[in-house]
Structure formats: structure tokens, C-alpha cells
Amino acid sequence: MVTLPLSQPDVMNVPHAPIEPDRSGLRQMTDNKKTDGQFLRVLVVEDNIHNQKVASFMLKKFDCHVVFANNGQECLDKVCEADFDIVFMDVQMPILNGYEATSAIRALSDNIKATVPIIAMTANALVGDEALCLDAGMNGYLSKPIIAAELERVIVQWGVEKNC
């Protein structure tokens, strides 16, 4: 199992780490519902390079096209420049944190960009942290370490079903 966050020695072993989630439901939904045949376009907002590598590895297992932003301001810039099916947002980052970036996205005049599903992907796992993310305008919450089955659930719920 690959989980976040990883130490640098762990990252070197990521390509050899087995992640074989049950993709049958995702594949069936993707084949039936994504009529354009395109991969899900996913923006991962994460300032830690090791966590970016692990997220990329995990998301590519679910046929996602992954783009990265290193902080909330880069996230806002990328959301304004391109359309994404889902955004995975770290909470604690420099420049704009996840809450501020989410608020700025929700305030955009382009309704499609303003309503992109934003899922917190954070090490903040204390009681009340999920509510803070949802109150900030995020649609869901994943705590690190990320579990492949939970990631799949979120992709199906917010990535695939949104595009039906």
C-alpha cells in the first residue's frame, strides 16, 4: 500500500509499490458516462514534491491526467487557465492556503470554474478539520495518508459522476 506523506527513501520505492485497486466500477462508469473518451483532468495542489510524486502515481492508476500546482496562487492561476474535472487541495501551503484558494475559486465569475469539485487532501486529521474544509467550500475530504480505495471513491463520486 502506498500512503502519504512519504519520506524521501520511501519515494524511491514508489514505482515498485503495488496499488491494484478494484477498477471495475470506475472503468464501467468511465466507459458508460465519459462520452468524450478523455481522461479525467485532475489538478493536485500540493507543495511537497514527494507527495506530488505519490499522488501522481496513484491518480494515474485511475487513468487521470494530472497537473500540479505548488501553492494556492498557482492553483487559482491554473483553474483560470484550464478546465479541470476535480481539484485535490492541500490545506497548509505557502502564498495562498487551501482555504483561501478554495474561496477564490468559488468567487470566480465563470460558473463552471467556480463549481469545480474541490477535495481536501490534507494531513490535518483532527476532529473538526473535515468540517473546516467543507465550511470553506470544499466538496469532500481525504486525510493523509491517502488510501487507494478512498481515492477511487472520491474520483467516482466527484470526477466521473459529475461528468455524466
Protein backbone atom coordinates (compact mmCIF):
# COMPACT_ATOMS: atom_id res chain seq x y z
CA MET A 1 0.00 0.00 0.00
CA VAL A 2 1.29 3.48 -0.83
CA THR A 3 0.32 6.20 1.61
CA LEU A 4 1.01 9.90 2.00
CA PRO A 5 3.10 11.56 3.31
CA LEU A 6 6.28 9.70 2.45
CA SER A 7 9.84 10.23 3.48
CA GLN A 8 12.47 10.63 0.76
CA PRO A 9 13.66 6.98 0.98
CA ASP A 10 10.06 5.81 0.60
CA VAL A 11 9.62 7.84 -2.59
CA MET A 12 12.41 5.95 -4.28
CA ASN A 13 10.35 2.77 -3.86
CA VAL A 14 7.05 4.14 -5.18
CA PRO A 15 7.23 2.61 -8.69
CA HIS A 16 7.62 -0.80 -7.08
CA ALA A 17 4.78 -0.33 -4.62
CA PRO A 18 1.69 -2.33 -5.62
CA ILE A 19 -1.51 -0.38 -5.99
CA GLU A 20 -4.06 -2.57 -7.64
CA PRO A 21 -7.46 -1.13 -6.73
CA ASP A 22 -10.64 -2.71 -7.99
CA ARG A 23 -11.12 -0.61 -11.10
CA SER A 24 -14.14 -2.47 -12.44
CA GLY A 25 -16.65 0.07 -11.13
CA LEU A 26 -14.54 3.02 -12.22
CA ARG A 27 -13.89 1.54 -15.66
CA GLN A 28 -17.54 0.70 -16.18
CA MET A 29 -18.66 4.17 -15.12
CA THR A 30 -15.95 5.83 -17.18
CA ASP A 31 -16.79 3.80 -20.27
CA ASN A 32 -20.50 4.44 -19.90
CA LYS A 33 -20.53 8.05 -18.73
CA LYS A 34 -17.49 9.89 -20.14
CA THR A 35 -18.68 10.06 -23.73
CA ASP A 36 -15.71 12.08 -24.98
CA GLY A 37 -13.29 9.25 -24.14
CA GLN A 38 -10.95 11.65 -22.34
CA PHE A 39 -9.14 11.03 -19.09
CA LEU A 40 -10.28 12.90 -16.02
CA ARG A 41 -8.33 16.15 -15.76
CA VAL A 42 -7.11 16.43 -12.18
CA LEU A 43 -5.35 19.36 -10.53
CA VAL A 44 -3.32 18.39 -7.46
CA VAL A 45 -2.41 21.35 -5.26
CA GLU A 46 0.47 20.19 -3.10
CA ASP A 47 3.68 21.94 -2.05
CA ASN A 48 5.61 18.76 -1.13
CA ILE A 49 7.39 17.18 -4.12
CA HIS A 50 7.36 13.71 -2.56
CA ASN A 51 3.59 13.87 -2.02
CA GLN A 52 3.20 15.10 -5.61
CA LYS A 53 5.02 12.01 -6.90
CA VAL A 54 2.88 9.66 -4.85
CA ALA A 55 -0.34 11.45 -5.84
CA SER A 56 0.67 11.28 -9.50
CA PHE A 57 1.43 7.57 -9.23
CA MET A 58 -1.89 6.83 -7.53
CA LEU A 59 -4.04 9.01 -9.80
CA LYS A 60 -2.51 7.62 -12.98
CA LYS A 61 -3.64 4.17 -11.82
CA PHE A 62 -7.17 5.59 -12.21
CA ASP A 63 -6.48 6.94 -15.73
CA CYS A 64 -6.28 10.56 -14.61
CA HIS A 65 -4.35 13.28 -16.43
CA VAL A 66 -2.57 15.04 -13.55
CA VAL A 67 -1.46 18.69 -13.38
CA PHE A 68 0.27 20.13 -10.32
CA ALA A 69 0.21 23.47 -8.54
CA ASN A 70 2.71 24.13 -5.76
CA ASN A 71 0.57 26.58 -3.80
CA GLY A 72 -2.87 28.15 -3.72
CA GLN A 73 -1.98 31.03 -6.04
CA GLU A 74 -0.67 28.63 -8.70
CA CYS A 75 -3.88 26.66 -8.25
CA LEU A 76 -6.04 29.71 -8.85
CA ASP A 77 -3.98 30.62 -11.93
CA LYS A 78 -4.30 27.09 -13.36
CA VAL A 79 -8.04 26.91 -12.70
CA CYS A 80 -8.46 30.22 -14.52
CA GLU A 81 -6.38 28.96 -17.48
CA ALA A 82 -7.89 25.48 -17.96
CA ASP A 83 -10.84 23.31 -17.04
CA PHE A 84 -10.42 20.51 -14.53
CA ASP A 85 -12.80 17.72 -13.55
CA ILE A 86 -11.60 17.67 -9.96
CA VAL A 87 -9.11 19.52 -7.71
CA PHE A 88 -7.29 17.83 -4.84
CA MET A 89 -6.28 20.61 -2.45
CA ASP A 90 -3.72 20.51 0.33
CA VAL A 91 -4.68 22.87 3.14
CA GLN A 92 -1.36 24.11 4.51
CA MET A 93 0.62 25.78 1.72
CA PRO A 94 2.56 28.97 1.15
CA ILE A 95 1.21 32.10 -0.58
CA LEU A 96 -2.49 31.11 -0.53
CA ASN A 97 -3.51 28.23 1.72
CA GLY A 98 -6.14 25.71 0.66
CA TYR A 99 -8.99 27.56 2.34
CA GLU A 100 -8.07 30.87 0.67
CA ALA A 101 -7.59 29.23 -2.74
CA THR A 102 -10.95 27.49 -2.46
CA SER A 103 -12.66 30.76 -1.54
CA ALA A 104 -11.05 32.50 -4.52
CA ILE A 105 -12.15 29.71 -6.90
CA ARG A 106 -15.71 29.81 -5.57
CA ALA A 107 -15.78 33.58 -6.22
CA LEU A 108 -14.87 33.26 -9.92
CA SER A 109 -17.42 34.67 -12.38
CA ASP A 110 -17.15 31.59 -14.65
CA ASN A 111 -19.71 29.22 -13.11
CA ILE A 112 -18.03 26.07 -14.47
CA LYS A 113 -14.69 27.00 -12.94
CA ALA A 114 -16.30 28.24 -9.72
CA THR A 115 -18.10 24.94 -9.16
CA VAL A 116 -15.24 22.53 -9.89
CA PRO A 117 -15.25 19.81 -7.21
CA ILE A 118 -12.51 20.56 -4.67
CA ILE A 119 -11.44 17.77 -2.35
CA ALA A 120 -9.22 18.47 0.63
CA MET A 121 -6.20 16.18 0.64
CA THR A 122 -4.52 17.01 3.90
CA ALA A 123 -2.60 15.71 6.87
CA ASN A 124 -4.98 17.70 9.09
CA ALA A 125 -6.97 14.85 10.58
CA LEU A 126 -8.13 16.22 13.91
CA VAL A 127 -11.76 16.34 14.96
CA GLY A 128 -13.32 19.30 13.19
CA ASP A 129 -10.80 19.53 10.33
CA GLU A 130 -13.19 17.98 7.81
CA ALA A 131 -15.91 20.45 8.82
CA LEU A 132 -13.47 23.35 8.35
CA CYS A 133 -12.74 22.16 4.81
CA LEU A 134 -16.42 21.74 3.96
CA ASP A 135 -17.27 25.13 5.51
CA ALA A 136 -14.56 26.70 3.34
CA GLY A 137 -16.38 25.48 0.22
CA MET A 138 -14.62 22.20 -0.45
CA ASN A 139 -16.80 19.30 -1.59
CA GLY A 140 -15.01 16.49 0.19
CA TYR A 141 -12.12 15.50 2.40
CA LEU A 142 -9.33 12.90 2.28
CA SER A 143 -6.85 12.66 5.12
CA LYS A 144 -3.25 11.66 4.54
CA PRO A 145 -2.09 9.01 4.29
CA ILE A 146 -4.28 8.57 1.22
CA ILE A 147 -5.82 5.12 0.84
CA ALA A 148 -6.34 3.94 -2.77
CA ALA A 149 -9.93 2.78 -2.13
CA GLU A 150 -10.89 6.17 -0.68
CA LEU A 151 -9.26 7.95 -3.59
CA GLU A 152 -11.22 5.76 -6.00
CA ARG A 153 -14.47 6.54 -4.15
CA VAL A 154 -13.83 10.27 -4.48
CA ILE A 155 -12.89 10.01 -8.16
CA VAL A 156 -16.08 8.09 -8.92
CA GLN A 157 -18.26 10.40 -6.85
CA TRP A 158 -16.86 13.76 -7.90
CA GLY A 159 -14.93 13.12 -11.09
CA VAL A 160 -16.88 10.57 -13.08
CA GLU A 161 -20.46 11.17 -11.89
CA LYS A 162 -20.06 14.97 -12.23
CA ASN A 163 -19.34 14.49 -15.93
CA CYS A 164 -22.44 12.43 -16.67
